[in-house]
Amino acid sequence: MARRGGFPGGGMPGNMNNLMKQAQRMQRQLEEQQKALSEKEFTAKAGGGAVEVTVTGEKMLKAIQISPDAVDPEDVEMLQDMILAAVNEALGQVDAAMQSMMGGMTGGFGGLGF
């Protein structure tokens, strides 16, 4: 009587083994790249360099430098806007680096939805 379902011999086929090994390798690569990204710093400027911020790859604000010329007690809103613009630009750099990293990792899966 013929067996239904399963794999001959009850084990995984070679293709499944290879796929599992490839997934484990990709997992290690992803972890290594995430670690490298977390150690990177991203800097952005606003207001012609009047405000400069640095964020880590983990999206933590590390430093803010404000030129004394940017501090106008009569126009605090302008300074606030420059800080926001610089922070958002730096965070955008982190996002772009992360997307680039993920694009390289999932490139081999094409239409599988990864």
C-alpha atoms as a PDB file:
ATOM      1  CA  MET A   1       0.000   0.000   0.000  1.00  0.00           C
ATOM      2  CA  ALA A   2       1.374   3.416  -0.943  1.00  0.00           C
ATOM      3  CA  ARG A   3       2.032   6.004   1.750  1.00  0.00           C
ATOM      4  CA  ARG A   4       0.292   9.318   1.446  1.00  0.00           C
ATOM      5  CA  GLY A   5       1.923  12.595   2.335  1.00  0.00           C
ATOM      6  CA  GLY A   6       5.175  13.017   4.118  1.00  0.00           C
ATOM      7  CA  PHE A   7       8.572  12.557   2.608  1.00  0.00           C
ATOM      8  CA  PRO A   8      10.192   9.321   1.488  1.00  0.00           C
ATOM      9  CA  GLY A   9      12.075   7.832   4.393  1.00  0.00           C
ATOM     10  CA  GLY A  10      10.338  10.154   6.839  1.00  0.00           C
ATOM     11  CA  GLY A  11      13.118  12.786   6.733  1.00  0.00           C
ATOM     12  CA  MET A  12      13.335  16.274   5.282  1.00  0.00           C
ATOM     13  CA  PRO A  13      14.180  16.502   1.624  1.00  0.00           C
ATOM     14  CA  GLY A  14      17.530  18.063   0.673  1.00  0.00           C
ATOM     15  CA  ASN A  15      15.807  21.209  -0.567  1.00  0.00           C
ATOM     16  CA  MET A  16      14.225  21.842   2.844  1.00  0.00           C
ATOM     17  CA  ASN A  17      17.551  21.297   4.603  1.00  0.00           C
ATOM     18  CA  ASN A  18      19.227  23.775   2.275  1.00  0.00           C
ATOM     19  CA  LEU A  19      16.433  26.273   2.786  1.00  0.00           C
ATOM     20  CA  MET A  20      16.760  25.995   6.566  1.00  0.00           C
ATOM     21  CA  LYS A  21      20.534  26.475   6.375  1.00  0.00           C
ATOM     22  CA  GLN A  22      20.065  29.496   4.128  1.00  0.00           C
ATOM     23  CA  ALA A  23      17.512  30.985   6.553  1.00  0.00           C
ATOM     24  CA  GLN A  24      19.905  30.475   9.485  1.00  0.00           C
ATOM     25  CA  ARG A  25      22.734  32.089   7.524  1.00  0.00           C
ATOM     26  CA  MET A  26      20.511  35.038   6.665  1.00  0.00           C
ATOM     27  CA  GLN A  27      19.499  35.346  10.332  1.00  0.00           C
ATOM     28  CA  ARG A  28      23.170  35.585  11.357  1.00  0.00           C
ATOM     29  CA  GLN A  29      23.894  38.121   8.623  1.00  0.00           C
ATOM     30  CA  LEU A  30      20.911  40.210   9.664  1.00  0.00           C
ATOM     31  CA  GLU A  31      22.040  40.191  13.296  1.00  0.00           C
ATOM     32  CA  GLU A  32      25.559  41.228  12.272  1.00  0.00           C
ATOM     33  CA  GLN A  33      24.267  44.039  10.071  1.00  0.00           C
ATOM     34  CA  GLN A  34      21.874  45.256  12.767  1.00  0.00           C
ATOM     35  CA  LYS A  35      24.773  45.367  15.225  1.00  0.00           C
ATOM     36  CA  ALA A  36      26.885  47.312  12.735  1.00  0.00           C
ATOM     37  CA  LEU A  37      24.004  49.723  12.106  1.00  0.00           C
ATOM     38  CA  SER A  38      23.468  50.265  15.826  1.00  0.00           C
ATOM     39  CA  GLU A  39      27.124  51.287  16.156  1.00  0.00           C
ATOM     40  CA  LYS A  40      26.925  53.857  13.334  1.00  0.00           C
ATOM     41  CA  GLU A  41      26.177  57.527  13.844  1.00  0.00           C
ATOM     42  CA  PHE A  42      24.181  59.747  11.517  1.00  0.00           C
ATOM     43  CA  THR A  43      24.573  63.526  11.473  1.00  0.00           C
ATOM     44  CA  ALA A  44      22.320  66.105   9.874  1.00  0.00           C
ATOM     45  CA  LYS A  45      22.344  69.902   9.763  1.00  0.00           C
ATOM     46  CA  ALA A  46      19.637  72.525   9.411  1.00  0.00           C
ATOM     47  CA  GLY A  47      19.557  76.291   9.066  1.00  0.00           C
ATOM     48  CA  GLY A  48      22.710  76.362   6.970  1.00  0.00           C
ATOM     49  CA  GLY A  49      24.610  74.469   9.645  1.00  0.00           C
ATOM     50  CA  ALA A  50      23.297  76.531  12.575  1.00  0.00           C
ATOM     51  CA  VAL A  51      21.937  73.318  14.124  1.00  0.00           C
ATOM     52  CA  GLU A  52      23.654  69.947  13.909  1.00  0.00           C
ATOM     53  CA  VAL A  53      22.356  66.723  15.450  1.00  0.00           C
ATOM     54  CA  THR A  54      23.804  63.244  15.711  1.00  0.00           C
ATOM     55  CA  VAL A  55      21.719  60.111  16.222  1.00  0.00           C
ATOM     56  CA  THR A  56      22.779  56.496  16.579  1.00  0.00           C
ATOM     57  CA  GLY A  57      21.623  53.642  14.383  1.00  0.00           C
ATOM     58  CA  GLU A  58      19.293  52.749  17.247  1.00  0.00           C
ATOM     59  CA  LYS A  59      17.545  56.103  16.730  1.00  0.00           C
ATOM     60  CA  MET A  60      18.840  57.590  19.950  1.00  0.00           C
ATOM     61  CA  LEU A  61      19.692  61.287  19.924  1.00  0.00           C
ATOM     62  CA  LYS A  62      23.376  61.513  20.825  1.00  0.00           C
ATOM     63  CA  ALA A  63      24.328  65.162  20.347  1.00  0.00           C
ATOM     64  CA  ILE A  64      22.946  68.566  19.458  1.00  0.00           C
ATOM     65  CA  GLN A  65      25.175  71.462  18.490  1.00  0.00           C
ATOM     66  CA  ILE A  66      23.650  74.913  18.172  1.00  0.00           C
ATOM     67  CA  SER A  67      25.544  77.864  16.798  1.00  0.00           C
ATOM     68  CA  PRO A  68      25.326  80.896  19.104  1.00  0.00           C
ATOM     69  CA  ASP A  69      24.144  82.856  16.054  1.00  0.00           C
ATOM     70  CA  ALA A  70      21.038  80.639  15.895  1.00  0.00           C
ATOM     71  CA  VAL A  71      19.929  81.675  19.390  1.00  0.00           C
ATOM     72  CA  ASP A  72      17.584  84.621  19.008  1.00  0.00           C
ATOM     73  CA  PRO A  73      15.377  85.190  22.061  1.00  0.00           C
ATOM     74  CA  GLU A  74      12.913  86.959  19.770  1.00  0.00           C
ATOM     75  CA  ASP A  75      12.556  83.945  17.478  1.00  0.00           C
ATOM     76  CA  VAL A  76      12.661  80.756  19.535  1.00  0.00           C
ATOM     77  CA  GLU A  77      10.293  79.062  17.065  1.00  0.00           C
ATOM     78  CA  MET A  78      12.908  79.273  14.303  1.00  0.00           C
ATOM     79  CA  LEU A  79      15.445  77.461  16.509  1.00  0.00           C
ATOM     80  CA  GLN A  80      12.874  74.814  17.420  1.00  0.00           C
ATOM     81  CA  ASP A  81      12.066  74.287  13.738  1.00  0.00           C
ATOM     82  CA  MET A  82      15.754  73.901  12.856  1.00  0.00           C
ATOM     83  CA  ILE A  83      16.234  71.323  15.615  1.00  0.00           C
ATOM     84  CA  LEU A  84      13.201  69.347  14.457  1.00  0.00           C
ATOM     85  CA  ALA A  85      14.353  69.474  10.834  1.00  0.00           C
ATOM     86  CA  ALA A  86      17.845  68.252  11.702  1.00  0.00           C
ATOM     87  CA  VAL A  87      16.586  65.446  13.975  1.00  0.00           C
ATOM     88  CA  ASN A  88      14.078  64.261  11.389  1.00  0.00           C
ATOM     89  CA  GLU A  89      16.733  64.303   8.657  1.00  0.00           C
ATOM     90  CA  ALA A  90      19.141  62.254  10.775  1.00  0.00           C
ATOM     91  CA  LEU A  91      16.404  59.740  11.650  1.00  0.00           C
ATOM     92  CA  GLY A  92      15.555  59.535   7.946  1.00  0.00           C
ATOM     93  CA  GLN A  93      19.184  58.600   7.279  1.00  0.00           C
ATOM     94  CA  VAL A  94      18.882  55.740   9.771  1.00  0.00           C
ATOM     95  CA  ASP A  95      15.680  54.540   8.083  1.00  0.00           C
ATOM     96  CA  ALA A  96      17.326  54.689   4.645  1.00  0.00           C
ATOM     97  CA  ALA A  97      20.327  52.694   5.902  1.00  0.00           C
ATOM     98  CA  MET A  98      17.996  50.123   7.445  1.00  0.00           C
ATOM     99  CA  GLN A  99      15.965  49.786   4.227  1.00  0.00           C
ATOM    100  CA  SER A 100      19.136  49.415   2.217  1.00  0.00           C
ATOM    101  CA  MET A 101      20.343  46.702   4.593  1.00  0.00           C
ATOM    102  CA  MET A 102      17.036  44.843   4.433  1.00  0.00           C
ATOM    103  CA  GLY A 103      16.862  45.160   0.654  1.00  0.00           C
ATOM    104  CA  GLY A 104      20.235  43.462   0.361  1.00  0.00           C
ATOM    105  CA  MET A 105      19.165  40.692   2.698  1.00  0.00           C
ATOM    106  CA  THR A 106      15.842  39.882   1.031  1.00  0.00           C
ATOM    107  CA  GLY A 107      16.936  40.370  -2.576  1.00  0.00           C
ATOM    108  CA  GLY A 108      17.262  36.648  -3.151  1.00  0.00           C
ATOM    109  CA  PHE A 109      13.662  35.896  -2.249  1.00  0.00           C
ATOM    110  CA  GLY A 110      12.059  37.789  -5.129  1.00  0.00           C
ATOM    111  CA  GLY A 111       8.322  37.209  -5.172  1.00  0.00           C
ATOM    112  CA  LEU A 112       8.058  35.270  -1.934  1.00  0.00           C
ATOM    113  CA  GLY A 113       6.869  38.345  -0.053  1.00  0.00           C
ATOM    114  CA  PHE A 114       9.917  38.692   2.199  1.00  0.00           C
END
